[in-house]
Amino acid sequence: MPLFQAAWLYYLSNPALVINGLALFYALSGSWLVFAAQWRAARGSLQLTAGIANTLNSEEAPLDNRVNRMFRRIGLGCLALAMALSLLSTLV
């Protein structure tokens, strides 16, 4: 039996494993987005305190805040989805 066919039959017989794998993917994606938003915010505040910000950066600050907010919202949504999938896998 080919390897992929055996793996597919294994996954079909263990649906909780597939759901947990999907939850892990969403958890990693969401945590990376939250981390990236925190890193972008820290880097932006460091540039402001160092005096590197000029008139162009002060015009881009609201845009950066919106992007960071979007990163956080999508990241937290992914983490919530991962938690829901993980809880769902215990019921299967």
PDB file of N, CA and C in Angstrom:
ATOM      1  N   MET A   1       0.853  -1.177   0.000  1.00  0.00           N
ATOM      2  CA  MET A   1       0.000   0.000   0.000  1.00  0.00           C
ATOM      3  C   MET A   1       0.898   1.239   0.000  1.00  0.00           C
ATOM      4  N   PRO A   2       0.650   2.194  -0.898  1.00  0.00           N
ATOM      5  CA  PRO A   2       1.468   3.405  -0.929  1.00  0.00           C
ATOM      6  C   PRO A   2       1.373   4.183   0.387  1.00  0.00           C
ATOM      7  N   LEU A   3       2.403   4.938   0.645  1.00  0.00           N
ATOM      8  CA  LEU A   3       2.524   5.655   1.914  1.00  0.00           C
ATOM      9  C   LEU A   3       1.408   6.671   2.111  1.00  0.00           C
ATOM     10  N   PHE A   4       1.095   7.443   1.084  1.00  0.00           N
ATOM     11  CA  PHE A   4       0.057   8.468   1.229  1.00  0.00           C
ATOM     12  C   PHE A   4      -1.327   7.853   1.447  1.00  0.00           C
ATOM     13  N   GLN A   5      -1.569   6.729   0.814  1.00  0.00           N
ATOM     14  CA  GLN A   5      -2.845   6.064   1.003  1.00  0.00           C
ATOM     15  C   GLN A   5      -2.963   5.523   2.425  1.00  0.00           C
ATOM     16  N   ALA A   6      -1.883   5.007   2.967  1.00  0.00           N
ATOM     17  CA  ALA A   6      -1.891   4.518   4.349  1.00  0.00           C
ATOM     18  C   ALA A   6      -2.081   5.676   5.323  1.00  0.00           C
ATOM     19  N   ALA A   7      -1.423   6.796   5.053  1.00  0.00           N
ATOM     20  CA  ALA A   7      -1.580   7.965   5.925  1.00  0.00           C
ATOM     21  C   ALA A   7      -3.012   8.482   5.864  1.00  0.00           C
ATOM     22  N   TRP A   8      -3.603   8.484   4.671  1.00  0.00           N
ATOM     23  CA  TRP A   8      -4.981   8.965   4.526  1.00  0.00           C
ATOM     24  C   TRP A   8      -5.954   8.062   5.291  1.00  0.00           C
ATOM     25  N   LEU A   9      -5.766   6.769   5.223  1.00  0.00           N
ATOM     26  CA  LEU A   9      -6.628   5.846   5.965  1.00  0.00           C
ATOM     27  C   LEU A   9      -6.445   6.016   7.472  1.00  0.00           C
ATOM     28  N   TYR A  10      -5.209   6.292   7.895  1.00  0.00           N
ATOM     29  CA  TYR A  10      -4.950   6.528   9.321  1.00  0.00           C
ATOM     30  C   TYR A  10      -5.661   7.790   9.796  1.00  0.00           C
ATOM     31  N   TYR A  11      -5.583   8.845   8.999  1.00  0.00           N
ATOM     32  CA  TYR A  11      -6.240  10.093   9.379  1.00  0.00           C
ATOM     33  C   TYR A  11      -7.764   9.967   9.362  1.00  0.00           C
ATOM     34  N   LEU A  12      -8.292   9.169   8.442  1.00  0.00           N
ATOM     35  CA  LEU A  12      -9.736   8.956   8.413  1.00  0.00           C
ATOM     36  C   LEU A  12     -10.216   8.188   9.634  1.00  0.00           C
ATOM     37  N   SER A  13      -9.370   7.325  10.158  1.00  0.00           N
ATOM     38  CA  SER A  13      -9.777   6.564  11.335  1.00  0.00           C
ATOM     39  C   SER A  13      -9.558   7.341  12.628  1.00  0.00           C
ATOM     40  N   ASN A  14      -8.799   8.454  12.581  1.00  0.00           N
ATOM     41  CA  ASN A  14      -8.544   9.294  13.757  1.00  0.00           C
ATOM     42  C   ASN A  14      -8.886  10.751  13.454  1.00  0.00           C
ATOM     43  N   PRO A  15     -10.167  11.125  13.447  1.00  0.00           N
ATOM     44  CA  PRO A  15     -10.526  12.506  13.099  1.00  0.00           C
ATOM     45  C   PRO A  15     -10.050  13.527  14.143  1.00  0.00           C
ATOM     46  N   ALA A  16      -9.902  13.111  15.392  1.00  0.00           N
ATOM     47  CA  ALA A  16      -9.436  14.043  16.416  1.00  0.00           C
ATOM     48  C   ALA A  16      -8.009  14.499  16.128  1.00  0.00           C
ATOM     49  N   LEU A  17      -7.202  13.615  15.552  1.00  0.00           N
ATOM     50  CA  LEU A  17      -5.828  13.972  15.202  1.00  0.00           C
ATOM     51  C   LEU A  17      -5.796  15.055  14.127  1.00  0.00           C
ATOM     52  N   VAL A  18      -6.667  14.929  13.153  1.00  0.00           N
ATOM     53  CA  VAL A  18      -6.740  15.930  12.071  1.00  0.00           C
ATOM     54  C   VAL A  18      -7.205  17.277  12.631  1.00  0.00           C
ATOM     55  N   ILE A  19      -8.210  17.249  13.499  1.00  0.00           N
ATOM     56  CA  ILE A  19      -8.726  18.497  14.077  1.00  0.00           C
ATOM     57  C   ILE A  19      -7.668  19.155  14.963  1.00  0.00           C
ATOM     58  N   ASN A  20      -6.925  18.329  15.729  1.00  0.00           N
ATOM     59  CA  ASN A  20      -5.854  18.880  16.551  1.00  0.00           C
ATOM     60  C   ASN A  20      -4.728  19.462  15.705  1.00  0.00           C
ATOM     61  N   GLY A  21      -4.440  18.834  14.580  1.00  0.00           N
ATOM     62  CA  GLY A  21      -3.428  19.381  13.670  1.00  0.00           C
ATOM     63  C   GLY A  21      -3.850  20.727  13.109  1.00  0.00           C
ATOM     64  N   LEU A  22      -5.113  20.841  12.763  1.00  0.00           N
ATOM     65  CA  LEU A  22      -5.636  22.114  12.274  1.00  0.00           C
ATOM     66  C   LEU A  22      -5.612  23.171  13.377  1.00  0.00           C
ATOM     67  N   ALA A  23      -5.936  22.763  14.599  1.00  0.00           N
ATOM     68  CA  ALA A  23      -5.885  23.695  15.731  1.00  0.00           C
ATOM     69  C   ALA A  23      -4.452  24.169  15.979  1.00  0.00           C
ATOM     70  N   LEU A  24      -3.496  23.267  15.836  1.00  0.00           N
ATOM     71  CA  LEU A  24      -2.093  23.647  16.005  1.00  0.00           C
ATOM     72  C   LEU A  24      -1.665  24.653  14.950  1.00  0.00           C
ATOM     73  N   PHE A  25      -2.104  24.438  13.711  1.00  0.00           N
ATOM     74  CA  PHE A  25      -1.781  25.387  12.642  1.00  0.00           C
ATOM     75  C   PHE A  25      -2.336  26.776  12.946  1.00  0.00           C
ATOM     76  N   TYR A  26      -3.600  26.835  13.372  1.00  0.00           N
ATOM     77  CA  TYR A  26      -4.202  28.131  13.696  1.00  0.00           C
ATOM     78  C   TYR A  26      -3.539  28.771  14.914  1.00  0.00           C
ATOM     79  N   ALA A  27      -3.157  27.975  15.881  1.00  0.00           N
ATOM     80  CA  ALA A  27      -2.503  28.525  17.071  1.00  0.00           C
ATOM     81  C   ALA A  27      -1.140  29.116  16.720  1.00  0.00           C
ATOM     82  N   LEU A  28      -0.381  28.427  15.889  1.00  0.00           N
ATOM     83  CA  LEU A  28       0.926  28.961  15.486  1.00  0.00           C
ATOM     84  C   LEU A  28       0.778  30.226  14.646  1.00  0.00           C
ATOM     85  N   SER A  29      -0.184  30.229  13.735  1.00  0.00           N
ATOM     86  CA  SER A  29      -0.410  31.416  12.901  1.00  0.00           C
ATOM     87  C   SER A  29      -0.852  32.609  13.746  1.00  0.00           C
ATOM     88  N   GLY A  30      -1.781  32.371  14.663  1.00  0.00           N
ATOM     89  CA  GLY A  30      -2.280  33.453  15.509  1.00  0.00           C
ATOM     90  C   GLY A  30      -1.225  33.990  16.445  1.00  0.00           C
ATOM     91  N   SER A  31      -0.425  33.101  17.028  1.00  0.00           N
ATOM     92  CA  SER A  31       0.610  33.574  17.949  1.00  0.00           C
ATOM     93  C   SER A  31       1.675  34.354  17.199  1.00  0.00           C
ATOM     94  N   TRP A  32       1.977  33.947  15.957  1.00  0.00           N
ATOM     95  CA  TRP A  32       2.948  34.712  15.180  1.00  0.00           C
ATOM     96  C   TRP A  32       2.413  36.109  14.866  1.00  0.00           C
ATOM     97  N   LEU A  33       1.141  36.229  14.546  1.00  0.00           N
ATOM     98  CA  LEU A  33       0.566  37.538  14.248  1.00  0.00           C
ATOM     99  C   LEU A  33       0.561  38.443  15.478  1.00  0.00           C
ATOM    100  N   VAL A  34       0.224  37.899  16.643  1.00  0.00           N
ATOM    101  CA  VAL A  34       0.241  38.708  17.871  1.00  0.00           C
ATOM    102  C   VAL A  34       1.673  39.129  18.193  1.00  0.00           C
ATOM    103  N   PHE A  35       2.613  38.212  18.043  1.00  0.00           N
ATOM    104  CA  PHE A  35       4.020  38.540  18.284  1.00  0.00           C
ATOM    105  C   PHE A  35       4.507  39.608  17.311  1.00  0.00           C
ATOM    106  N   ALA A  36       4.128  39.493  16.047  1.00  0.00           N
ATOM    107  CA  ALA A  36       4.559  40.474  15.047  1.00  0.00           C
ATOM    108  C   ALA A  36       3.986  41.854  15.354  1.00  0.00           C
ATOM    109  N   ALA A  37       2.754  41.911  15.834  1.00  0.00           N
ATOM    110  CA  ALA A  37       2.155  43.205  16.190  1.00  0.00           C
ATOM    111  C   ALA A  37       2.887  43.829  17.372  1.00  0.00           C
ATOM    112  N   GLN A  38       3.231  43.014  18.367  1.00  0.00           N
ATOM    113  CA  GLN A  38       3.963  43.534  19.519  1.00  0.00           C
ATOM    114  C   GLN A  38       5.347  44.013  19.103  1.00  0.00           C
ATOM    115  N   TRP A  39       5.994  43.266  18.216  1.00  0.00           N
ATOM    116  CA  TRP A  39       7.328  43.635  17.762  1.00  0.00           C
ATOM    117  C   TRP A  39       7.295  44.926  16.945  1.00  0.00           C
ATOM    118  N   ARG A  40       6.278  45.068  16.084  1.00  0.00           N
ATOM    119  CA  ARG A  40       6.147  46.297  15.300  1.00  0.00           C
ATOM    120  C   ARG A  40       5.883  47.508  16.189  1.00  0.00           C
ATOM    121  N   ALA A  41       5.055  47.335  17.210  1.00  0.00           N
ATOM    122  CA  ALA A  41       4.749  48.441  18.120  1.00  0.00           C
ATOM    123  C   ALA A  41       5.983  48.834  18.925  1.00  0.00           C
ATOM    124  N   ALA A  42       6.741  47.849  19.387  1.00  0.00           N
ATOM    125  CA  ALA A  42       7.957  48.142  20.153  1.00  0.00           C
ATOM    126  C   ALA A  42       8.998  48.835  19.281  1.00  0.00           C
ATOM    127  N   ARG A  43       9.124  48.377  18.040  1.00  0.00           N
ATOM    128  CA  ARG A  43      10.087  49.000  17.133  1.00  0.00           C
ATOM    129  C   ARG A  43       9.691  50.438  16.797  1.00  0.00           C
ATOM    130  N   GLY A  44       8.379  50.667  16.637  1.00  0.00           N
ATOM    131  CA  GLY A  44       7.903  52.018  16.345  1.00  0.00           C
ATOM    132  C   GLY A  44       8.108  52.968  17.509  1.00  0.00           C
ATOM    133  N   SER A  45       7.852  52.494  18.726  1.00  0.00           N
ATOM    134  CA  SER A  45       8.060  53.370  19.885  1.00  0.00           C
ATOM    135  C   SER A  45       9.544  53.608  20.125  1.00  0.00           C
ATOM    136  N   LEU A  46      10.384  52.631  19.806  1.00  0.00           N
ATOM    137  CA  LEU A  46      11.822  52.820  19.954  1.00  0.00           C
ATOM    138  C   LEU A  46      12.324  53.875  18.975  1.00  0.00           C
ATOM    139  N   GLN A  47      11.801  53.882  17.760  1.00  0.00           N
ATOM    140  CA  GLN A  47      12.193  54.892  16.782  1.00  0.00           C
ATOM    141  C   GLN A  47      11.724  56.275  17.206  1.00  0.00           C
ATOM    142  N   LEU A  48      10.539  56.355  17.816  1.00  0.00           N
ATOM    143  CA  LEU A  48      10.038  57.652  18.267  1.00  0.00           C
ATOM    144  C   LEU A  48      10.883  58.207  19.409  1.00  0.00           C
ATOM    145  N   THR A  49      11.281  57.347  20.350  1.00  0.00           N
ATOM    146  CA  THR A  49      12.077  57.823  21.480  1.00  0.00           C
ATOM    147  C   THR A  49      13.500  58.146  21.067  1.00  0.00           C
ATOM    148  N   ALA A  50      14.001  57.495  20.008  1.00  0.00           N
ATOM    149  CA  ALA A  50      15.362  57.757  19.557  1.00  0.00           C
ATOM    150  C   ALA A  50      15.439  59.020  18.710  1.00  0.00           C
ATOM    151  N   GLY A  51      14.316  59.585  18.343  1.00  0.00           N
ATOM    152  CA  GLY A  51      14.312  60.801  17.539  1.00  0.00           C
ATOM    153  C   GLY A  51      14.515  60.550  16.067  1.00  0.00           C
ATOM    154  N   ILE A  52      14.351  59.315  15.652  1.00  0.00           N
ATOM    155  CA  ILE A  52      14.529  58.980  14.242  1.00  0.00           C
ATOM    156  C   ILE A  52      13.316  59.423  13.431  1.00  0.00           C
ATOM    157  N   ALA A  53      12.177  59.526  14.072  1.00  0.00           N
ATOM    158  CA  ALA A  53      10.943  59.850  13.362  1.00  0.00           C
ATOM    159  C   ALA A  53      11.009  61.268  12.787  1.00  0.00           C
ATOM    160  N   ASN A  54      10.753  61.363  11.525  1.00  0.00           N
ATOM    161  CA  ASN A  54      10.680  62.670  10.881  1.00  0.00           C
ATOM    162  C   ASN A  54       9.227  62.921  10.491  1.00  0.00           C
ATOM    163  N   THR A  55       8.993  63.863   9.625  1.00  0.00           N
ATOM    164  CA  THR A  55       7.615  64.193   9.264  1.00  0.00           C
ATOM    165  C   THR A  55       6.925  63.051   8.525  1.00  0.00           C
ATOM    166  N   LEU A  56       7.690  62.263   7.762  1.00  0.00           N
ATOM    167  CA  LEU A  56       7.077  61.142   7.057  1.00  0.00           C
ATOM    168  C   LEU A  56       6.591  60.076   8.032  1.00  0.00           C
ATOM    169  N   ASN A  57       7.389  59.788   9.060  1.00  0.00           N
ATOM    170  CA  ASN A  57       6.982  58.766  10.022  1.00  0.00           C
ATOM    171  C   ASN A  57       5.803  59.223  10.861  1.00  0.00           C
ATOM    172  N   SER A  58       5.715  60.517  11.141  1.00  0.00           N
ATOM    173  CA  SER A  58       4.578  60.979  11.926  1.00  0.00           C
ATOM    174  C   SER A  58       3.277  60.887  11.128  1.00  0.00           C
ATOM    175  N   GLU A  59       3.374  60.971   9.786  1.00  0.00           N
ATOM    176  CA  GLU A  59       2.189  60.786   8.957  1.00  0.00           C
ATOM    177  C   GLU A  59       1.815  59.310   8.848  1.00  0.00           C
ATOM    178  N   GLU A  60       2.795  58.424   8.972  1.00  0.00           N
ATOM    179  CA  GLU A  60       2.534  56.993   8.855  1.00  0.00           C
ATOM    180  C   GLU A  60       2.117  56.354  10.180  1.00  0.00           C
ATOM    181  N   ALA A  61       2.194  57.082  11.280  1.00  0.00           N
ATOM    182  CA  ALA A  61       1.890  56.509  12.590  1.00  0.00           C
ATOM    183  C   ALA A  61       0.451  55.995  12.687  1.00  0.00           C
ATOM    184  N   PRO A  62      -0.570  56.731  12.229  1.00  0.00           N
ATOM    185  CA  PRO A  62      -1.923  56.168  12.300  1.00  0.00           C
ATOM    186  C   PRO A  62      -2.083  54.895  11.466  1.00  0.00           C
ATOM    187  N   LEU A  63      -1.399  54.844  10.323  1.00  0.00           N
ATOM    188  CA  LEU A  63      -1.460  53.648   9.491  1.00  0.00           C
ATOM    189  C   LEU A  63      -0.815  52.467  10.206  1.00  0.00           C
ATOM    190  N   ASP A  64       0.314  52.703  10.863  1.00  0.00           N
ATOM    191  CA  ASP A  64       0.970  51.635  11.619  1.00  0.00           C
ATOM    192  C   ASP A  64       0.087  51.144  12.755  1.00  0.00           C
ATOM    193  N   ASN A  65      -0.600  52.059  13.412  1.00  0.00           N
ATOM    194  CA  ASN A  65      -1.497  51.651  14.495  1.00  0.00           C
ATOM    195  C   ASN A  65      -2.638  50.793  13.970  1.00  0.00           C
ATOM    196  N   ARG A  66      -3.162  51.139  12.793  1.00  0.00           N
ATOM    197  CA  ARG A  66      -4.241  50.348  12.212  1.00  0.00           C
ATOM    198  C   ARG A  66      -3.757  48.957  11.826  1.00  0.00           C
ATOM    199  N   VAL A  67      -2.550  48.878  11.274  1.00  0.00           N
ATOM    200  CA  VAL A  67      -1.999  47.576  10.886  1.00  0.00           C
ATOM    201  C   VAL A  67      -1.752  46.723  12.128  1.00  0.00           C
ATOM    202  N   ASN A  68      -1.203  47.321  13.174  1.00  0.00           N
ATOM    203  CA  ASN A  68      -0.968  46.577  14.411  1.00  0.00           C
ATOM    204  C   ASN A  68      -2.282  46.093  15.016  1.00  0.00           C
ATOM    205  N   ARG A  69      -3.298  46.941  14.972  1.00  0.00           N
ATOM    206  CA  ARG A  69      -4.604  46.552  15.493  1.00  0.00           C
ATOM    207  C   ARG A  69      -5.194  45.396  14.686  1.00  0.00           C
ATOM    208  N   MET A  70      -5.030  45.456  13.360  1.00  0.00           N
ATOM    209  CA  MET A  70      -5.515  44.383  12.507  1.00  0.00           C
ATOM    210  C   MET A  70      -4.759  43.085  12.792  1.00  0.00           C
ATOM    211  N   PHE A  71      -3.431  43.159  12.948  1.00  0.00           N
ATOM    212  CA  PHE A  71      -2.632  41.979  13.279  1.00  0.00           C
ATOM    213  C   PHE A  71      -3.125  41.361  14.579  1.00  0.00           C
ATOM    214  N   ARG A  72      -3.361  42.196  15.581  1.00  0.00           N
ATOM    215  CA  ARG A  72      -3.802  41.672  16.879  1.00  0.00           C
ATOM    216  C   ARG A  72      -5.178  41.020  16.780  1.00  0.00           C
ATOM    217  N   ARG A  73      -6.097  41.658  16.077  1.00  0.00           N
ATOM    218  CA  ARG A  73      -7.450  41.109  15.970  1.00  0.00           C
ATOM    219  C   ARG A  73      -7.460  39.774  15.237  1.00  0.00           C
ATOM    220  N   ILE A  74      -6.771  39.700  14.116  1.00  0.00           N
ATOM    221  CA  ILE A  74      -6.739  38.451  13.361  1.00  0.00           C
ATOM    222  C   ILE A  74      -5.999  37.379  14.155  1.00  0.00           C
ATOM    223  N   GLY A  75      -4.907  37.765  14.818  1.00  0.00           N
ATOM    224  CA  GLY A  75      -4.159  36.808  15.629  1.00  0.00           C
ATOM    225  C   GLY A  75      -4.973  36.263  16.780  1.00  0.00           C
ATOM    226  N   LEU A  76      -5.686  37.137  17.476  1.00  0.00           N
ATOM    227  CA  LEU A  76      -6.524  36.671  18.579  1.00  0.00           C
ATOM    228  C   LEU A  76      -7.701  35.847  18.075  1.00  0.00           C
ATOM    229  N   GLY A  77      -8.215  36.193  16.898  1.00  0.00           N
ATOM    230  CA  GLY A  77      -9.267  35.377  16.296  1.00  0.00           C
ATOM    231  C   GLY A  77      -8.768  33.979  15.954  1.00  0.00           C
ATOM    232  N   CYS A  78      -7.554  33.893  15.420  1.00  0.00           N
ATOM    233  CA  CYS A  78      -6.962  32.585  15.123  1.00  0.00           C
ATOM    234  C   CYS A  78      -6.737  31.781  16.397  1.00  0.00           C
ATOM    235  N   LEU A  79      -6.290  32.446  17.461  1.00  0.00           N
ATOM    236  CA  LEU A  79      -6.090  31.740  18.724  1.00  0.00           C
ATOM    237  C   LEU A  79      -7.414  31.248  19.308  1.00  0.00           C
ATOM    238  N   ALA A  80      -8.465  32.057  19.173  1.00  0.00           N
ATOM    239  CA  ALA A  80      -9.780  31.624  19.649  1.00  0.00           C
ATOM    240  C   ALA A  80     -10.294  30.442  18.825  1.00  0.00           C
ATOM    241  N   LEU A  81     -10.083  30.481  17.517  1.00  0.00           N
ATOM    242  CA  LEU A  81     -10.485  29.372  16.662  1.00  0.00           C
ATOM    243  C   LEU A  81      -9.704  28.106  17.006  1.00  0.00           C
ATOM    244  N   ALA A  82      -8.421  28.260  17.302  1.00  0.00           N
ATOM    245  CA  ALA A  82      -7.611  27.107  17.697  1.00  0.00           C
ATOM    246  C   ALA A  82      -8.125  26.501  18.998  1.00  0.00           C
ATOM    247  N   MET A  83      -8.507  27.351  19.942  1.00  0.00           N
ATOM    248  CA  MET A  83      -9.047  26.840  21.204  1.00  0.00           C
ATOM    249  C   MET A  83     -10.364  26.103  20.965  1.00  0.00           C
ATOM    250  N   ALA A  84     -11.214  26.670  20.120  1.00  0.00           N
ATOM    251  CA  ALA A  84     -12.493  26.022  19.827  1.00  0.00           C
ATOM    252  C   ALA A  84     -12.284  24.671  19.123  1.00  0.00           C
ATOM    253  N   LEU A  85     -11.349  24.628  18.190  1.00  0.00           N
ATOM    254  CA  LEU A  85     -11.068  23.362  17.502  1.00  0.00           C
ATOM    255  C   LEU A  85     -10.482  22.338  18.452  1.00  0.00           C
ATOM    256  N   SER A  86      -9.643  22.784  19.350  1.00  0.00           N
ATOM    257  CA  SER A  86      -9.062  21.863  20.319  1.00  0.00           C
ATOM    258  C   SER A  86     -10.133  21.291  21.241  1.00  0.00           C
ATOM    259  N   LEU A  87     -11.060  22.140  21.656  1.00  0.00           N
ATOM    260  CA  LEU A  87     -12.158  21.647  22.484  1.00  0.00           C
ATOM    261  C   LEU A  87     -13.075  20.726  21.692  1.00  0.00           C
ATOM    262  N   LEU A  88     -13.269  21.029  20.414  1.00  0.00           N
ATOM    263  CA  LEU A  88     -14.093  20.188  19.559  1.00  0.00           C
ATOM    264  C   LEU A  88     -13.475  18.810  19.383  1.00  0.00           C
ATOM    265  N   SER A  89     -12.153  18.749  19.319  1.00  0.00           N
ATOM    266  CA  SER A  89     -11.493  17.458  19.106  1.00  0.00           C
ATOM    267  C   SER A  89     -11.666  16.532  20.307  1.00  0.00           C
ATOM    268  N   THR A  90     -11.918  17.085  21.482  1.00  0.00           N
ATOM    269  CA  THR A  90     -12.146  16.218  22.640  1.00  0.00           C
ATOM    270  C   THR A  90     -13.522  15.553  22.577  1.00  0.00           C
ATOM    271  N   LEU A  91     -14.438  16.163  21.833  1.00  0.00           N
ATOM    272  CA  LEU A  91     -15.782  15.609  21.713  1.00  0.00           C
ATOM    273  C   LEU A  91     -15.875  14.550  20.624  1.00  0.00           C
ATOM    274  N   VAL A  92     -14.943  14.582  19.691  1.00  0.00           N
ATOM    275  CA  VAL A  92     -14.995  13.645  18.553  1.00  0.00           C
ATOM    276  C   VAL A  92     -14.469  12.292  18.954  1.00  0.00           C
TER     277      VAL A  92
END
